[in-house]
Amino acid sequence: MSTTCNFGLIIGRFQPPCLHHFQFIDEVIHSGIQKLLIGIGESKTPDPRNFLTGKEVKSLLIPNLDKLNFPYKLAIIPDINNPPKYADYVKTFFPEINEDNTCLFTENDYTSNCFVNYGHHFQIIKPTILPSHATEIRQMILDKNMAWQTLVPPNVADFIVKYHHV
């Protein structure tokens, strides 16, 4: 996969940040972009699907992103649940992006819809990814199946065990 975009934009909840996400990020970095932009989607209210705050996710991502030695910018993006306005809303967090210099990397149809409809025409790239997803990892955590710890970076496992009493 190769792109001529300057910015690679990823928007996700990272609940929790897992090895799947970092394989995804590695693929974006190697696509030819010059800077990685990550929007951390944040739910208004915590629930079993969104058990980490945006600040917690950001603090868990940073040490792992720093190891990649690639320029990046993180922003916490609170939910607005308004697809026609979402792409413009994201631009308020990443004012450097536009349809000519940014590729949105996503496998999420809802997110891509917000960036290719409603007057927007961003390039969407659907990367290949590991078969494990955060959804399965969250279920493993709820089921007390400790194998989830092998699917996340060590700092993430340590944090969840310590602060979420798993």
N, C-alpha and C. Protein backbone atom coordinates (compact mmCIF):
# COMPACT_ATOMS: atom_id res chain seq x y z
N MET A 1 0.85 -1.17 0.00
CA MET A 1 0.00 0.00 0.00
C MET A 1 0.89 1.24 0.00
N SER A 2 0.67 2.14 -0.93
CA SER A 2 1.44 3.37 -1.01
C SER A 2 0.50 4.53 -1.28
N THR A 3 0.81 5.66 -0.68
CA THR A 3 -0.04 6.83 -0.83
C THR A 3 0.81 8.07 -1.06
N THR A 4 0.21 9.09 -1.61
CA THR A 4 0.89 10.37 -1.79
C THR A 4 0.41 11.38 -0.75
N CYS A 5 -0.37 10.94 0.21
CA CYS A 5 -0.87 11.83 1.25
C CYS A 5 0.23 12.21 2.23
N ASN A 6 0.22 13.47 2.68
CA ASN A 6 1.16 13.92 3.70
C ASN A 6 0.78 13.38 5.08
N PHE A 7 -0.54 13.37 5.35
CA PHE A 7 -1.02 12.99 6.66
C PHE A 7 -1.83 11.69 6.57
N GLY A 8 -1.58 10.80 7.52
CA GLY A 8 -2.39 9.60 7.67
C GLY A 8 -3.23 9.77 8.92
N LEU A 9 -4.53 9.84 8.75
CA LEU A 9 -5.46 10.06 9.86
C LEU A 9 -6.11 8.74 10.27
N ILE A 10 -6.03 8.45 11.56
CA ILE A 10 -6.69 7.30 12.16
C ILE A 10 -7.59 7.83 13.26
N ILE A 11 -8.82 7.38 13.27
CA ILE A 11 -9.74 7.75 14.35
C ILE A 11 -10.25 6.45 14.97
N GLY A 12 -10.09 6.33 16.27
CA GLY A 12 -10.54 5.12 16.93
C GLY A 12 -10.70 5.33 18.41
N ARG A 13 -11.27 4.36 19.05
CA ARG A 13 -11.48 4.43 20.50
C ARG A 13 -10.33 3.78 21.27
N PHE A 14 -9.67 2.79 20.66
CA PHE A 14 -8.53 2.12 21.30
C PHE A 14 -8.91 1.62 22.69
N GLN A 15 -9.97 0.84 22.75
CA GLN A 15 -10.53 0.35 24.01
C GLN A 15 -10.32 -1.14 24.17
N PRO A 16 -9.20 -1.61 24.57
CA PRO A 16 -7.96 -0.92 24.92
C PRO A 16 -7.00 -0.88 23.73
N PRO A 17 -5.94 -0.07 23.83
CA PRO A 17 -4.91 -0.12 22.78
C PRO A 17 -4.32 -1.53 22.76
N CYS A 18 -4.32 -2.15 21.59
CA CYS A 18 -3.84 -3.53 21.50
C CYS A 18 -2.85 -3.69 20.36
N LEU A 19 -2.25 -4.85 20.28
CA LEU A 19 -1.24 -5.11 19.25
C LEU A 19 -1.85 -4.95 17.86
N HIS A 20 -3.11 -5.26 17.72
CA HIS A 20 -3.84 -5.03 16.47
C HIS A 20 -3.73 -3.56 16.04
N HIS A 21 -3.94 -2.66 16.97
CA HIS A 21 -3.85 -1.23 16.65
C HIS A 21 -2.44 -0.85 16.19
N PHE A 22 -1.43 -1.42 16.83
CA PHE A 22 -0.07 -1.03 16.47
C PHE A 22 0.38 -1.63 15.15
N GLN A 23 -0.17 -2.79 14.78
CA GLN A 23 0.10 -3.32 13.44
C GLN A 23 -0.55 -2.38 12.41
N PHE A 24 -1.76 -1.97 12.71
CA PHE A 24 -2.52 -1.04 11.87
C PHE A 24 -1.72 0.27 11.70
N ILE A 25 -1.23 0.82 12.80
CA ILE A 25 -0.44 2.06 12.78
C ILE A 25 0.84 1.86 11.98
N ASP A 26 1.51 0.74 12.16
CA ASP A 26 2.73 0.46 11.41
C ASP A 26 2.45 0.44 9.91
N GLU A 27 1.35 -0.14 9.52
CA GLU A 27 0.98 -0.18 8.11
C GLU A 27 0.73 1.23 7.57
N VAL A 28 0.08 2.07 8.36
CA VAL A 28 -0.17 3.46 7.95
C VAL A 28 1.17 4.20 7.78
N ILE A 29 2.06 4.05 8.73
CA ILE A 29 3.36 4.72 8.67
C ILE A 29 4.13 4.32 7.41
N HIS A 30 4.05 3.04 7.06
CA HIS A 30 4.80 2.56 5.90
C HIS A 30 4.07 2.78 4.58
N SER A 31 2.99 3.53 4.60
CA SER A 31 2.24 3.81 3.37
C SER A 31 2.82 4.99 2.59
N GLY A 32 3.76 5.71 3.20
CA GLY A 32 4.36 6.86 2.53
C GLY A 32 3.96 8.20 3.12
N ILE A 33 3.18 8.20 4.19
CA ILE A 33 2.78 9.46 4.81
C ILE A 33 3.99 10.12 5.48
N GLN A 34 3.84 11.42 5.78
CA GLN A 34 4.91 12.14 6.46
C GLN A 34 4.64 12.33 7.95
N LYS A 35 3.34 12.30 8.32
CA LYS A 35 2.98 12.47 9.73
C LYS A 35 1.71 11.69 10.02
N LEU A 36 1.69 11.07 11.18
CA LEU A 36 0.56 10.29 11.64
C LEU A 36 -0.31 11.16 12.54
N LEU A 37 -1.61 11.17 12.29
CA LEU A 37 -2.56 11.90 13.12
C LEU A 37 -3.53 10.87 13.69
N ILE A 38 -3.66 10.87 15.01
CA ILE A 38 -4.56 9.91 15.66
C ILE A 38 -5.59 10.66 16.48
N GLY A 39 -6.85 10.46 16.12
CA GLY A 39 -7.96 10.99 16.88
C GLY A 39 -8.49 9.91 17.80
N ILE A 40 -8.50 10.18 19.08
CA ILE A 40 -9.00 9.22 20.07
C ILE A 40 -10.46 9.56 20.33
N GLY A 41 -11.36 8.74 19.83
CA GLY A 41 -12.78 8.96 20.06
C GLY A 41 -13.11 8.72 21.52
N GLU A 42 -13.89 9.64 22.08
CA GLU A 42 -14.23 9.52 23.51
C GLU A 42 -15.74 9.58 23.70
N SER A 43 -16.26 8.55 24.34
CA SER A 43 -17.68 8.48 24.65
C SER A 43 -18.00 9.46 25.78
N LYS A 44 -19.22 9.94 25.77
CA LYS A 44 -19.63 10.88 26.83
C LYS A 44 -19.77 10.19 28.18
N THR A 45 -20.13 8.90 28.15
CA THR A 45 -20.29 8.17 29.41
C THR A 45 -19.59 6.81 29.32
N PRO A 46 -18.86 6.45 30.36
CA PRO A 46 -18.17 5.15 30.35
C PRO A 46 -19.19 4.00 30.35
N ASP A 47 -18.82 2.92 29.69
CA ASP A 47 -19.62 1.70 29.67
C ASP A 47 -18.66 0.55 29.38
N PRO A 48 -19.14 -0.68 29.34
CA PRO A 48 -18.22 -1.81 29.12
C PRO A 48 -17.44 -1.72 27.80
N ARG A 49 -17.99 -1.05 26.78
CA ARG A 49 -17.29 -0.90 25.51
C ARG A 49 -16.29 0.25 25.56
N ASN A 50 -16.53 1.21 26.41
CA ASN A 50 -15.70 2.42 26.51
C ASN A 50 -15.30 2.61 27.97
N PHE A 51 -14.48 1.70 28.47
CA PHE A 51 -14.14 1.72 29.89
C PHE A 51 -12.93 2.59 30.20
N LEU A 52 -12.20 3.02 29.18
CA LEU A 52 -11.05 3.91 29.38
C LEU A 52 -11.43 5.31 28.95
N THR A 53 -10.96 6.32 29.67
CA THR A 53 -11.18 7.70 29.25
C THR A 53 -10.23 8.04 28.11
N GLY A 54 -10.51 9.11 27.41
CA GLY A 54 -9.61 9.57 26.35
C GLY A 54 -8.21 9.85 26.89
N LYS A 55 -8.13 10.44 28.08
CA LYS A 55 -6.82 10.72 28.70
C LYS A 55 -6.06 9.44 29.00
N GLU A 56 -6.77 8.42 29.47
CA GLU A 56 -6.11 7.14 29.75
C GLU A 56 -5.59 6.51 28.47
N VAL A 57 -6.42 6.51 27.44
CA VAL A 57 -5.99 5.95 26.15
C VAL A 57 -4.77 6.70 25.64
N LYS A 58 -4.81 8.02 25.69
CA LYS A 58 -3.68 8.82 25.22
C LYS A 58 -2.41 8.46 25.99
N SER A 59 -2.51 8.34 27.30
CA SER A 59 -1.32 8.02 28.11
C SER A 59 -0.79 6.62 27.81
N LEU A 60 -1.68 5.71 27.40
CA LEU A 60 -1.25 4.35 27.06
C LEU A 60 -0.66 4.28 25.65
N LEU A 61 -1.14 5.12 24.75
CA LEU A 61 -0.62 5.13 23.38
C LEU A 61 0.76 5.77 23.29
N ILE A 62 0.98 6.87 24.00
CA ILE A 62 2.20 7.67 23.83
C ILE A 62 3.50 6.85 23.96
N PRO A 63 3.70 6.06 25.02
CA PRO A 63 4.99 5.34 25.09
C PRO A 63 5.20 4.37 23.93
N ASN A 64 4.11 3.80 23.44
CA ASN A 64 4.22 2.86 22.32
C ASN A 64 4.45 3.59 21.00
N LEU A 65 3.83 4.75 20.82
CA LEU A 65 4.06 5.55 19.61
C LEU A 65 5.47 6.12 19.60
N ASP A 66 5.95 6.54 20.77
CA ASP A 66 7.31 7.09 20.84
C ASP A 66 8.36 6.08 20.37
N LYS A 67 8.11 4.80 20.61
CA LYS A 67 9.04 3.75 20.19
C LYS A 67 9.13 3.64 18.67
N LEU A 68 8.12 4.12 17.96
CA LEU A 68 8.10 4.01 16.50
C LEU A 68 9.00 5.03 15.82
N ASN A 69 9.42 6.06 16.56
CA ASN A 69 10.32 7.09 16.02
C ASN A 69 9.77 7.67 14.71
N PHE A 70 8.50 8.09 14.75
CA PHE A 70 7.82 8.66 13.59
C PHE A 70 6.97 9.83 14.08
N PRO A 71 6.95 10.94 13.34
CA PRO A 71 6.17 12.09 13.82
C PRO A 71 4.67 11.79 13.91
N TYR A 72 4.09 12.18 15.03
CA TYR A 72 2.67 11.95 15.22
C TYR A 72 2.06 13.08 16.06
N LYS A 73 0.75 13.15 15.99
CA LYS A 73 -0.02 14.09 16.80
C LYS A 73 -1.27 13.35 17.27
N LEU A 74 -1.58 13.48 18.56
CA LEU A 74 -2.76 12.86 19.14
C LEU A 74 -3.75 13.94 19.55
N ALA A 75 -5.03 13.64 19.40
CA ALA A 75 -6.08 14.53 19.90
C ALA A 75 -7.23 13.68 20.41
N ILE A 76 -7.78 14.07 21.54
CA ILE A 76 -8.98 13.42 22.07
C ILE A 76 -10.17 14.11 21.43
N ILE A 77 -11.04 13.32 20.79
CA ILE A 77 -12.18 13.86 20.06
C ILE A 77 -13.47 13.35 20.71
N PRO A 78 -14.11 14.18 21.54
CA PRO A 78 -15.37 13.76 22.15
C PRO A 78 -16.45 13.51 21.09
N ASP A 79 -17.29 12.52 21.34
CA ASP A 79 -18.37 12.18 20.40
C ASP A 79 -19.31 13.36 20.19
N ILE A 80 -19.78 13.50 18.94
CA ILE A 80 -20.86 14.46 18.66
C ILE A 80 -22.06 13.76 18.02
N ASN A 81 -21.87 12.53 17.55
CA ASN A 81 -22.97 11.76 16.94
C ASN A 81 -23.73 12.56 15.89
N ASN A 82 -22.97 13.16 14.96
CA ASN A 82 -23.56 13.96 13.90
C ASN A 82 -22.76 13.75 12.61
N PRO A 83 -23.05 12.68 11.85
CA PRO A 83 -22.25 12.37 10.66
C PRO A 83 -22.07 13.52 9.67
N PRO A 84 -23.09 14.32 9.36
CA PRO A 84 -22.86 15.41 8.40
C PRO A 84 -21.83 16.44 8.86
N LYS A 85 -21.65 16.60 10.16
CA LYS A 85 -20.73 17.61 10.68
C LYS A 85 -19.41 17.02 11.18
N TYR A 86 -19.29 15.69 11.16
CA TYR A 86 -18.16 15.06 11.81
C TYR A 86 -16.81 15.40 11.19
N ALA A 87 -16.68 15.35 9.86
CA ALA A 87 -15.38 15.63 9.23
C ALA A 87 -14.91 17.06 9.56
N ASP A 88 -15.82 18.01 9.50
CA ASP A 88 -15.45 19.39 9.85
C ASP A 88 -15.09 19.50 11.34
N TYR A 89 -15.78 18.76 12.18
CA TYR A 89 -15.49 18.72 13.61
C TYR A 89 -14.08 18.18 13.84
N VAL A 90 -13.71 17.11 13.16
CA VAL A 90 -12.37 16.54 13.28
C VAL A 90 -11.31 17.56 12.83
N LYS A 91 -11.62 18.34 11.81
CA LYS A 91 -10.69 19.38 11.34
C LYS A 91 -10.38 20.41 12.43
N THR A 92 -11.28 20.61 13.38
CA THR A 92 -11.00 21.57 14.46
C THR A 92 -9.88 21.05 15.38
N PHE A 93 -9.69 19.73 15.41
CA PHE A 93 -8.62 19.13 16.21
C PHE A 93 -7.33 18.98 15.40
N PHE A 94 -7.48 18.86 14.09
CA PHE A 94 -6.35 18.72 13.17
C PHE A 94 -6.51 19.73 12.04
N PRO A 95 -6.27 21.03 12.31
CA PRO A 95 -6.53 22.05 11.29
C PRO A 95 -5.65 21.92 10.04
N GLU A 96 -4.59 21.12 10.11
CA GLU A 96 -3.69 20.95 8.97
C GLU A 96 -4.27 20.04 7.89
N ILE A 97 -5.35 19.32 8.17
CA ILE A 97 -5.84 18.36 7.20
C ILE A 97 -6.79 18.98 6.18
N ASN A 98 -6.75 18.41 4.97
CA ASN A 98 -7.74 18.72 3.94
C ASN A 98 -7.82 17.51 3.01
N GLU A 99 -8.72 17.58 2.05
CA GLU A 99 -8.97 16.43 1.18
C GLU A 99 -7.80 16.12 0.24
N ASP A 100 -6.91 17.08 0.04
CA ASP A 100 -5.77 16.86 -0.85
C ASP A 100 -4.54 16.29 -0.15
N ASN A 101 -4.39 16.56 1.15
CA ASN A 101 -3.16 16.15 1.82
C ASN A 101 -3.33 15.04 2.85
N THR A 102 -4.56 14.55 3.02
CA THR A 102 -4.84 13.60 4.10
C THR A 102 -5.59 12.37 3.60
N CYS A 103 -5.13 11.22 4.04
CA CYS A 103 -5.83 9.96 3.79
C CYS A 103 -6.37 9.47 5.14
N LEU A 104 -7.62 9.08 5.14
CA LEU A 104 -8.21 8.47 6.32
C LEU A 104 -8.02 6.96 6.22
N PHE A 105 -7.37 6.40 7.21
CA PHE A 105 -7.16 4.96 7.27
C PHE A 105 -8.18 4.38 8.24
N THR A 106 -9.09 3.60 7.73
CA THR A 106 -10.13 3.04 8.59
C THR A 106 -10.74 1.80 7.98
N GLU A 107 -11.21 0.93 8.84
CA GLU A 107 -12.02 -0.20 8.41
C GLU A 107 -13.47 0.01 8.85
N ASN A 108 -13.75 1.16 9.46
CA ASN A 108 -15.06 1.46 10.01
C ASN A 108 -15.91 2.20 8.98
N ASP A 109 -16.97 1.56 8.53
CA ASP A 109 -17.83 2.16 7.51
C ASP A 109 -18.50 3.46 7.98
N TYR A 110 -18.86 3.52 9.24
CA TYR A 110 -19.48 4.74 9.78
C TYR A 110 -18.52 5.92 9.66
N THR A 111 -17.28 5.72 10.08
CA THR A 111 -16.28 6.80 10.01
C THR A 111 -16.00 7.19 8.57
N SER A 112 -15.77 6.22 7.69
CA SER A 112 -15.48 6.56 6.30
C SER A 112 -16.64 7.30 5.66
N ASN A 113 -17.86 6.93 5.98
CA ASN A 113 -19.05 7.61 5.46
C ASN A 113 -19.01 9.11 5.79
N CYS A 114 -18.57 9.45 6.98
CA CYS A 114 -18.50 10.86 7.40
C CYS A 114 -17.49 11.66 6.58
N PHE A 115 -16.48 10.96 6.01
CA PHE A 115 -15.41 11.64 5.29
C PHE A 115 -15.54 11.57 3.77
N VAL A 116 -16.52 10.84 3.26
CA VAL A 116 -16.71 10.77 1.81
C VAL A 116 -18.10 11.26 1.38
N ASN A 117 -18.94 11.55 2.32
CA ASN A 117 -20.27 12.08 2.03
C ASN A 117 -20.40 13.46 2.66
N TYR A 118 -21.56 14.03 2.55
CA TYR A 118 -21.84 15.33 3.16
C TYR A 118 -20.90 16.41 2.66
N GLY A 119 -20.54 16.33 1.37
CA GLY A 119 -19.68 17.35 0.78
C GLY A 119 -18.20 17.11 0.95
N HIS A 120 -17.80 15.99 1.48
CA HIS A 120 -16.39 15.68 1.69
C HIS A 120 -15.96 14.56 0.75
N HIS A 121 -14.68 14.61 0.36
CA HIS A 121 -14.15 13.62 -0.58
C HIS A 121 -12.73 13.21 -0.20
N PHE A 122 -12.54 12.84 1.05
CA PHE A 122 -11.24 12.37 1.51
C PHE A 122 -10.94 11.00 0.89
N GLN A 123 -9.67 10.72 0.68
CA GLN A 123 -9.27 9.39 0.24
C GLN A 123 -9.33 8.47 1.45
N ILE A 124 -9.99 7.32 1.29
CA ILE A 124 -10.12 6.33 2.36
C ILE A 124 -9.27 5.12 1.99
N ILE A 125 -8.46 4.68 2.93
CA ILE A 125 -7.65 3.47 2.72
C ILE A 125 -8.00 2.49 3.82
N LYS A 126 -8.37 1.29 3.41
CA LYS A 126 -8.74 0.23 4.34
C LYS A 126 -7.54 -0.71 4.46
N PRO A 127 -6.80 -0.62 5.56
CA PRO A 127 -5.62 -1.46 5.70
C PRO A 127 -5.97 -2.91 6.04
N THR A 128 -4.97 -3.76 5.88
CA THR A 128 -5.11 -5.13 6.34
C THR A 128 -4.69 -5.15 7.80
N ILE A 129 -5.30 -6.01 8.60
CA ILE A 129 -5.04 -6.00 10.04
C ILE A 129 -5.03 -7.41 10.61
N LEU A 130 -4.53 -7.51 11.84
CA LEU A 130 -4.55 -8.77 12.56
C LEU A 130 -5.99 -9.23 12.80
N PRO A 131 -6.20 -10.52 12.98
CA PRO A 131 -7.57 -11.00 13.20
C PRO A 131 -8.15 -10.63 14.57
N SER A 132 -7.31 -10.28 15.54
CA SER A 132 -7.86 -9.93 16.86
C SER A 132 -8.25 -8.45 16.88
N HIS A 133 -9.35 -8.16 17.49
CA HIS A 133 -9.83 -6.79 17.61
C HIS A 133 -10.03 -6.47 19.09
N ALA A 134 -10.08 -5.19 19.39
CA ALA A 134 -10.30 -4.75 20.77
C ALA A 134 -11.61 -5.29 21.31
N THR A 135 -12.60 -5.48 20.45
CA THR A 135 -13.89 -6.03 20.89
C THR A 135 -13.69 -7.38 21.57
N GLU A 136 -12.91 -8.26 20.93
CA GLU A 136 -12.65 -9.57 21.52
C GLU A 136 -11.82 -9.46 22.79
N ILE A 137 -10.89 -8.52 22.81
CA ILE A 137 -10.05 -8.33 24.00
C ILE A 137 -10.90 -7.85 25.16
N ARG A 138 -11.81 -6.92 24.92
CA ARG A 138 -12.71 -6.46 25.99
C ARG A 138 -13.54 -7.62 26.54
N GLN A 139 -14.01 -8.48 25.65
CA GLN A 139 -14.80 -9.63 26.10
C GLN A 139 -13.94 -10.57 26.94
N MET A 140 -12.70 -10.77 26.53
CA MET A 140 -11.79 -11.62 27.30
C MET A 140 -11.57 -11.03 28.70
N ILE A 141 -11.44 -9.70 28.77
CA ILE A 141 -11.26 -9.04 30.07
C ILE A 141 -12.49 -9.28 30.94
N LEU A 142 -13.67 -9.08 30.37
CA LEU A 142 -14.91 -9.29 31.12
C LEU A 142 -15.05 -10.74 31.58
N ASP A 143 -14.61 -11.68 30.74
CA ASP A 143 -14.69 -13.11 31.06
C ASP A 143 -13.56 -13.58 31.98
N LYS A 144 -12.69 -12.65 32.35
CA LYS A 144 -11.53 -12.96 33.20
C LYS A 144 -10.60 -13.99 32.55
N ASN A 145 -10.56 -13.98 31.23
CA ASN A 145 -9.64 -14.82 30.46
C ASN A 145 -8.33 -14.06 30.34
N MET A 146 -7.36 -14.41 31.13
CA MET A 146 -6.11 -13.64 31.23
C MET A 146 -5.27 -13.67 29.96
N ALA A 147 -5.66 -14.45 28.97
CA ALA A 147 -4.92 -14.47 27.70
C ALA A 147 -4.96 -13.11 27.00
N TRP A 148 -5.90 -12.23 27.38
CA TRP A 148 -5.97 -10.91 26.76
C TRP A 148 -4.65 -10.16 26.93
N GLN A 149 -3.93 -10.45 28.00
CA GLN A 149 -2.69 -9.73 28.27
C GLN A 149 -1.62 -9.95 27.20
N THR A 150 -1.72 -11.05 26.45
CA THR A 150 -0.76 -11.31 25.37
C THR A 150 -1.10 -10.54 24.10
N LEU A 151 -2.26 -9.88 24.08
CA LEU A 151 -2.73 -9.18 22.88
C LEU A 151 -2.60 -7.66 22.99
N VAL A 152 -2.02 -7.19 24.09
CA VAL A 152 -1.83 -5.75 24.30
C VAL A 152 -0.38 -5.49 24.70
N PRO A 153 0.12 -4.26 24.49
CA PRO A 153 1.47 -3.95 24.97
C PRO A 153 1.54 -4.09 26.49
N PRO A 154 2.72 -4.38 27.04
CA PRO A 154 2.86 -4.58 28.49
C PRO A 154 2.34 -3.40 29.33
N ASN A 155 2.57 -2.16 28.89
CA ASN A 155 2.10 -1.02 29.69
C ASN A 155 0.57 -0.99 29.78
N VAL A 156 -0.09 -1.44 28.73
CA VAL A 156 -1.56 -1.47 28.72
C VAL A 156 -2.06 -2.55 29.67
N ALA A 157 -1.47 -3.73 29.60
CA ALA A 157 -1.86 -4.81 30.52
C ALA A 157 -1.65 -4.39 31.97
N ASP A 158 -0.49 -3.81 32.27
CA ASP A 158 -0.20 -3.39 33.63
C ASP A 158 -1.22 -2.36 34.12
N PHE A 159 -1.56 -1.40 33.28
CA PHE A 159 -2.51 -0.35 33.65
C PHE A 159 -3.89 -0.94 33.93
N ILE A 160 -4.37 -1.79 33.04
CA ILE A 160 -5.71 -2.36 33.20
C ILE A 160 -5.79 -3.22 34.45
N VAL A 161 -4.77 -4.03 34.69
CA VAL A 161 -4.76 -4.86 35.88
C VAL A 161 -4.75 -3.98 37.14
N LYS A 162 -3.95 -2.94 37.14
CA LYS A 162 -3.80 -2.09 38.34
C LYS A 162 -5.01 -1.21 38.58
N TYR A 163 -5.51 -0.57 37.54
CA TYR A 163 -6.54 0.45 37.76
C TYR A 163 -7.96 -0.02 37.44
N HIS A 164 -8.10 -1.13 36.77
CA HIS A 164 -9.43 -1.64 36.48
C HIS A 164 -9.67 -2.98 37.16
N HIS A 165 -8.75 -3.35 38.05
CA HIS A 165 -8.90 -4.52 38.92
C HIS A 165 -9.31 -5.78 38.19
N VAL A 166 -8.57 -6.07 37.15
CA VAL A 166 -8.85 -7.28 36.37
C VAL A 166 -8.00 -8.42 36.90
